[in-house]
Amino acid sequence: MSSRSKYAVLLLCLGLSATSMAQDADPEASAIWQKLRTDLFSGMTIANAEGVLVLETPKRAEDAAIVPLAVHMRFPQTESRYIEKLWLIIDNNPSPIAALFHFVPETGRADIETRVRVEQYTYIRAIAMTNDAKLYMAVNYVKASGGCSAPASKDAVAARASLGKMRLRVDDALTQGHPALAQLMISHPNDSGLAMDQLTRTYATPHYVRSVEVRYGGKLVMNADVDFSISEDPNFRFYFKPGSARELEAKVTDNKDLVFTAKLKLDEAQPTKAVSTAH
C-alpha cells in the first residue's frame, strides 16, 4: 500500500467529520498530521516559518475544487542558502500529501503558486527544507468542503480531446541574472476517482498528474511529485533565472504513465509573455 493510500485509510478509520475537524484549535492536534510528521519527519525539529516563507490561502474558499494557494520565500535562492524541498500538506484530504517540490539554487526564487482541492475543513501546511536540512512550517486553516469529490467541470469527451495539452508562458521581461515568473498550464482532468457520475451511479477510474519537471537550457528548474489534491487542469507558477539559454521545457507524467511535453523558445526580441502550446 502506498503512503498516500495509508493516510486515506487512516482518515476513514478516524471517522472524523468536517464539524469535528473544524473544532481543532491547535494545528499540532490533528491526528493525520501527527501520523504524517512521524512518517515524514521523524526526529526532526520543525521551526516556525517566520522569516523563511509565507503561505497564502483564503480563509474560506469560494470553490472547494479550485482553492488558490501560494508560497512565497523570504530570501533568494543562492548557492550558500536555498530551499531544497517544499511539501504541501492538506491534513483532511483523502490524500493529504498534495505535492512535494524540489528546487535548485540557480532559480533565484523558490516561490510556487497553484490551485488545490479541499475535501473538508482543514489545516493546510507548507513545509520547507533548506539545504542545511532544517525544516520550517507555515500553517493556515481553510474552510472548504467537497473539493475532491466534486464532479469535473468538463464532460469526459471534452477532457479526452484536450488531454495533455500544455502551455508554457513567461510573464516577466527576461533580464539575465534576475528571476523571471513563468507559468505551466496542463489540460488534465486530475480525476480523484471520488466523484460519482449522477447518471450511471459509478465512479471514474482515478486519473491524475503524478509528476512535473521543468528545465531551462536542459538544467533543472523545478520538479514535483503531485496527485489529485491538485485541481483539475493543474496550473503552476514558478521562477527561473534567465541566462544565455533560449529554451524552457516541461515534462509531465500521469498515473497511467502517459507523458506530455512542451517547449518554449525564448525570443530575445520579444522577451515578455512568450507562450508555447504542445501536446
Protein backbone atom coordinates (compact mmCIF):
# COMPACT_ATOMS: atom_id res chain seq x y z
CA MET A 1 0.00 0.00 0.00
CA SER A 2 1.37 3.43 -0.92
CA SER A 3 1.96 6.10 1.72
CA ARG A 4 -0.87 8.19 0.27
CA SER A 5 -3.23 5.18 0.48
CA LYS A 6 -2.27 4.60 4.09
CA TYR A 7 -3.23 8.13 5.02
CA ALA A 8 -6.53 7.84 3.17
CA VAL A 9 -7.34 4.69 5.15
CA LEU A 10 -6.28 6.37 8.38
CA LEU A 11 -8.60 9.30 7.68
CA LEU A 12 -11.54 6.93 7.15
CA CYS A 13 -10.72 4.91 10.26
CA LEU A 14 -10.58 8.01 12.40
CA GLY A 15 -14.17 8.75 11.42
CA LEU A 16 -13.62 12.49 11.66
CA SER A 17 -16.41 14.70 10.34
CA ALA A 18 -15.90 18.16 8.90
CA THR A 19 -17.59 19.55 12.01
CA SER A 20 -15.24 17.87 14.44
CA MET A 21 -12.21 18.83 12.35
CA ALA A 22 -13.33 22.43 12.40
CA GLN A 23 -13.04 22.35 16.18
CA ASP A 24 -9.30 21.58 16.18
CA ALA A 25 -7.85 24.75 17.70
CA ASP A 26 -4.26 23.51 17.69
CA PRO A 27 -2.60 22.63 14.35
CA GLU A 28 -0.45 20.09 16.18
CA ALA A 29 -3.57 18.27 17.45
CA SER A 30 -4.50 16.94 14.01
CA ALA A 31 -4.33 13.13 14.11
CA ILE A 32 -3.44 12.94 10.43
CA TRP A 33 -0.66 15.48 10.92
CA GLN A 34 0.75 13.55 13.86
CA LYS A 35 0.95 10.45 11.66
CA LEU A 36 2.46 12.37 8.76
CA ARG A 37 5.01 14.07 10.97
CA THR A 38 6.19 10.74 12.34
CA ASP A 39 6.43 9.15 8.91
CA LEU A 40 7.96 12.07 7.02
CA PHE A 41 9.98 14.00 9.60
CA SER A 42 10.68 11.58 12.43
CA GLY A 43 13.09 13.04 14.99
CA MET A 44 13.40 16.35 13.12
CA THR A 45 12.61 19.77 14.57
CA ILE A 46 10.17 21.88 12.55
CA ALA A 47 10.57 25.58 13.22
CA ASN A 48 8.08 28.39 12.66
CA ALA A 49 8.29 29.73 9.11
CA GLU A 50 8.58 33.39 10.08
CA GLY A 51 11.35 34.99 8.06
CA VAL A 52 11.56 31.97 5.76
CA LEU A 53 8.26 31.57 3.93
CA VAL A 54 4.67 32.82 3.77
CA LEU A 55 1.70 30.60 2.90
CA GLU A 56 -1.24 32.37 1.26
CA THR A 57 -4.68 30.72 1.14
CA PRO A 58 -8.22 32.01 1.53
CA LYS A 59 -9.80 31.56 4.95
CA ARG A 60 -13.00 30.40 3.26
CA ALA A 61 -12.82 29.13 -0.30
CA GLU A 62 -15.31 30.25 -2.93
CA ASP A 63 -14.91 26.90 -4.72
CA ALA A 64 -13.50 23.91 -2.80
CA ALA A 65 -12.35 22.31 -6.06
CA ILE A 66 -10.22 25.33 -7.03
CA VAL A 67 -8.58 26.80 -3.94
CA PRO A 68 -5.73 29.21 -4.77
CA LEU A 69 -2.51 28.61 -2.87
CA ALA A 70 0.78 30.48 -2.97
CA VAL A 71 4.06 30.02 -1.12
CA HIS A 72 6.46 32.97 -1.11
CA MET A 73 10.01 32.63 0.18
CA ARG A 74 11.54 35.40 2.25
CA PHE A 75 15.06 35.00 0.91
CA PRO A 76 16.55 34.38 -2.55
CA GLN A 77 17.95 31.08 -3.75
CA THR A 78 21.75 31.20 -3.56
CA GLU A 79 24.49 28.59 -3.52
CA SER A 80 25.05 29.20 0.19
CA ARG A 81 21.39 29.03 1.25
CA TYR A 82 18.39 27.79 -0.67
CA ILE A 83 15.13 25.92 -0.40
CA GLU A 84 15.72 22.31 -1.40
CA LYS A 85 12.26 20.80 -0.84
CA LEU A 86 8.74 22.05 -0.22
CA TRP A 87 5.84 19.88 0.96
CA LEU A 88 2.21 20.94 0.57
CA ILE A 89 0.04 19.02 3.03
CA ILE A 90 -3.75 19.21 3.29
CA ASP A 91 -4.47 17.37 6.53
CA ASN A 92 -8.05 16.24 5.97
CA ASN A 93 -7.92 15.40 2.28
CA PRO A 94 -8.24 11.75 1.23
CA SER A 95 -4.65 12.09 0.02
CA PRO A 96 -3.09 14.67 2.35
CA ILE A 97 0.35 14.88 0.70
CA ALA A 98 -0.70 17.16 -2.14
CA ALA A 99 2.77 17.88 -3.52
CA LEU A 100 6.48 17.64 -2.92
CA PHE A 101 8.52 20.19 -4.87
CA HIS A 102 12.29 20.09 -5.41
CA PHE A 103 14.19 23.30 -6.19
CA VAL A 104 17.74 24.25 -7.16
CA PRO A 105 19.69 27.39 -6.18
CA GLU A 106 20.01 28.53 -9.81
CA THR A 107 16.31 29.50 -9.97
CA GLY A 108 16.84 32.61 -7.86
CA ARG A 109 13.48 32.16 -6.11
CA ALA A 110 11.62 29.08 -4.83
CA ASP A 111 8.12 30.57 -4.83
CA ILE A 112 5.26 28.42 -6.10
CA GLU A 113 1.61 29.10 -6.87
CA THR A 114 -1.03 26.51 -7.72
CA ARG A 115 -4.66 25.53 -7.08
CA VAL A 116 -5.76 22.70 -4.81
CA ARG A 117 -8.85 20.70 -3.88
CA VAL A 118 -10.07 20.70 -0.29
CA GLU A 119 -12.44 17.94 0.80
CA GLN A 120 -13.14 19.01 4.41
CA TYR A 121 -12.36 21.93 6.70
CA THR A 122 -8.67 21.54 7.26
CA TYR A 123 -5.23 22.85 8.06
CA ILE A 124 -3.02 23.37 5.04
CA ARG A 125 0.73 23.25 5.63
CA ALA A 126 3.74 24.41 3.64
CA ILE A 127 6.92 22.81 4.97
CA ALA A 128 10.25 23.89 3.52
CA MET A 129 13.59 22.18 3.90
CA THR A 130 16.69 24.32 3.39
CA ASN A 131 19.96 22.93 2.06
CA ASP A 132 21.26 22.55 5.63
CA ALA A 133 18.39 20.09 6.31
CA LYS A 134 16.43 22.48 8.55
CA LEU A 135 12.62 22.46 8.38
CA TYR A 136 10.22 25.41 8.58
CA MET A 137 6.43 25.27 8.54
CA ALA A 138 3.61 27.72 7.84
CA VAL A 139 0.02 26.64 8.61
CA ASN A 140 -3.33 28.08 7.53
CA TYR A 141 -6.84 26.89 8.34
CA VAL A 142 -9.16 26.76 5.32
CA LYS A 143 -12.92 26.38 5.39
CA ALA A 144 -13.99 24.41 2.31
CA SER A 145 -15.62 21.07 1.64
CA GLY A 146 -16.37 18.68 -1.21
CA GLY A 147 -13.48 19.65 -3.47
CA CYS A 148 -12.06 16.15 -4.01
CA SER A 149 -15.47 14.58 -4.67
CA ALA A 150 -16.82 17.40 -6.85
CA PRO A 151 -17.74 16.49 -10.45
CA ALA A 152 -15.38 17.55 -13.23
CA SER A 153 -16.08 20.84 -14.98
CA LYS A 154 -15.64 19.19 -18.41
CA ASP A 155 -17.51 16.21 -19.78
CA ALA A 156 -15.48 13.04 -20.44
CA VAL A 157 -15.36 13.56 -24.22
CA ALA A 158 -14.02 17.10 -23.94
CA ALA A 159 -11.50 16.03 -21.30
CA ARG A 160 -10.13 13.26 -23.54
CA ALA A 161 -9.91 15.59 -26.53
CA SER A 162 -7.69 18.09 -24.71
CA LEU A 163 -5.80 15.61 -22.50
CA GLY A 164 -2.15 16.53 -22.14
CA LYS A 165 -2.23 19.83 -23.98
CA MET A 166 0.11 22.24 -22.20
CA ARG A 167 1.03 25.89 -22.29
CA LEU A 168 4.26 27.41 -21.06
CA ARG A 169 4.46 31.15 -20.72
CA VAL A 170 6.81 33.76 -19.28
CA ASP A 171 5.20 36.91 -17.95
CA ASP A 172 8.31 38.87 -16.94
CA ALA A 173 10.88 40.58 -19.09
CA LEU A 174 13.93 38.35 -19.47
CA THR A 175 16.78 40.08 -17.70
CA GLN A 176 19.87 37.94 -17.36
CA GLY A 177 20.52 37.00 -13.75
CA HIS A 178 17.13 38.19 -12.46
CA PRO A 179 14.39 35.63 -11.66
CA ALA A 180 11.51 35.65 -14.15
CA LEU A 181 7.97 34.46 -13.42
CA ALA A 182 6.77 31.59 -15.60
CA GLN A 183 3.60 29.52 -15.74
CA LEU A 184 2.80 25.95 -16.76
CA MET A 185 -0.83 25.10 -17.58
CA ILE A 186 -1.82 21.45 -18.13
CA SER A 187 -5.08 20.22 -19.59
CA HIS A 188 -5.83 17.15 -17.50
CA PRO A 189 -8.90 16.02 -15.52
CA ASN A 190 -6.77 15.16 -12.48
CA ASP A 191 -9.64 12.86 -11.57
CA SER A 192 -9.64 11.70 -7.95
CA GLY A 193 -12.00 8.80 -8.59
CA LEU A 194 -14.20 10.09 -5.77
CA ALA A 195 -16.84 11.88 -7.85
CA MET A 196 -19.95 9.86 -8.64
CA ASP A 197 -21.49 10.10 -12.12
CA GLN A 198 -25.08 11.04 -11.34
CA LEU A 199 -26.38 9.23 -14.45
CA THR A 200 -24.52 5.93 -14.18
CA ARG A 201 -24.04 6.00 -10.38
CA THR A 202 -20.47 4.82 -10.91
CA TYR A 203 -17.06 6.31 -10.15
CA ALA A 204 -14.42 7.11 -12.72
CA THR A 205 -11.02 5.47 -12.51
CA PRO A 206 -8.54 7.85 -10.84
CA HIS A 207 -6.52 9.67 -13.50
CA TYR A 208 -4.21 12.43 -12.34
CA VAL A 209 -0.87 14.09 -12.95
CA ARG A 210 1.83 12.31 -10.97
CA SER A 211 5.00 14.26 -11.74
CA VAL A 212 6.04 17.61 -13.22
CA GLU A 213 9.51 18.60 -14.35
CA VAL A 214 10.63 21.96 -15.72
CA ARG A 215 14.06 22.63 -17.24
CA TYR A 216 15.75 25.72 -18.61
CA GLY A 217 18.52 25.15 -21.13
CA GLY A 218 18.46 21.48 -20.15
CA LYS A 219 19.08 22.23 -16.46
CA LEU A 220 16.50 21.51 -13.78
CA VAL A 221 14.39 24.42 -12.56
CA MET A 222 11.79 22.55 -10.53
CA ASN A 223 10.26 19.11 -10.28
CA ALA A 224 7.31 17.92 -8.26
CA ASP A 225 5.53 14.77 -7.17
CA VAL A 226 1.81 15.62 -7.10
CA ASP A 227 -1.60 13.94 -7.02
CA PHE A 228 -5.33 14.62 -7.28
CA SER A 229 -5.27 17.14 -4.42
CA ILE A 230 -4.06 19.48 -7.17
CA SER A 231 -7.08 20.89 -9.01
CA GLU A 232 -8.38 19.86 -12.42
CA ASP A 233 -6.23 21.33 -15.22
CA PRO A 234 -3.14 21.74 -13.00
CA ASN A 235 -1.55 25.15 -13.06
CA PHE A 236 1.84 26.08 -11.61
CA ARG A 237 3.56 29.48 -11.40
CA PHE A 238 7.27 29.40 -10.62
CA TYR A 239 10.53 31.26 -11.21
CA PHE A 240 13.65 30.61 -13.24
CA LYS A 241 16.75 32.74 -13.73
CA PRO A 242 17.36 33.63 -17.40
CA GLY A 243 20.85 33.26 -18.80
CA SER A 244 22.19 32.53 -22.26
CA ALA A 245 19.91 29.54 -22.92
CA ARG A 246 16.85 30.18 -25.08
CA GLU A 247 14.53 27.29 -24.24
CA LEU A 248 12.21 26.41 -21.36
CA GLU A 249 10.73 22.92 -21.38
CA ALA A 250 8.28 20.92 -19.31
CA LYS A 251 7.62 17.20 -18.95
CA VAL A 252 4.51 15.83 -17.26
CA THR A 253 3.72 12.20 -16.42
CA ASP A 254 0.37 10.97 -15.13
CA ASN A 255 -0.58 7.90 -13.11
CA LYS A 256 -1.33 5.96 -16.31
CA ASP A 257 2.27 6.58 -17.41
CA LEU A 258 1.19 8.94 -20.19
CA VAL A 259 3.93 11.50 -20.84
CA PHE A 260 3.34 15.02 -22.17
CA THR A 261 5.95 17.62 -23.11
CA ALA A 262 6.05 21.29 -24.06
CA LYS A 263 8.88 23.60 -25.11
CA LEU A 264 9.03 27.37 -25.20
CA LYS A 265 11.56 29.23 -27.35
CA LEU A 266 12.55 32.45 -25.62
CA ASP A 267 12.84 35.25 -28.14
CA GLU A 268 15.31 37.98 -27.21
CA ALA A 269 13.46 40.42 -29.46
CA GLN A 270 10.14 39.77 -27.69
CA PRO A 271 11.11 38.72 -24.19
CA THR A 272 7.74 39.11 -22.45
CA LYS A 273 4.64 36.93 -22.36
CA ALA A 274 6.09 34.22 -24.57
CA VAL A 275 3.64 31.31 -24.94
CA SER A 276 4.09 27.75 -26.13
CA THR A 277 1.38 25.16 -26.66
CA ALA A 278 2.20 21.48 -27.01
CA HIS A 279 0.61 18.06 -26.71
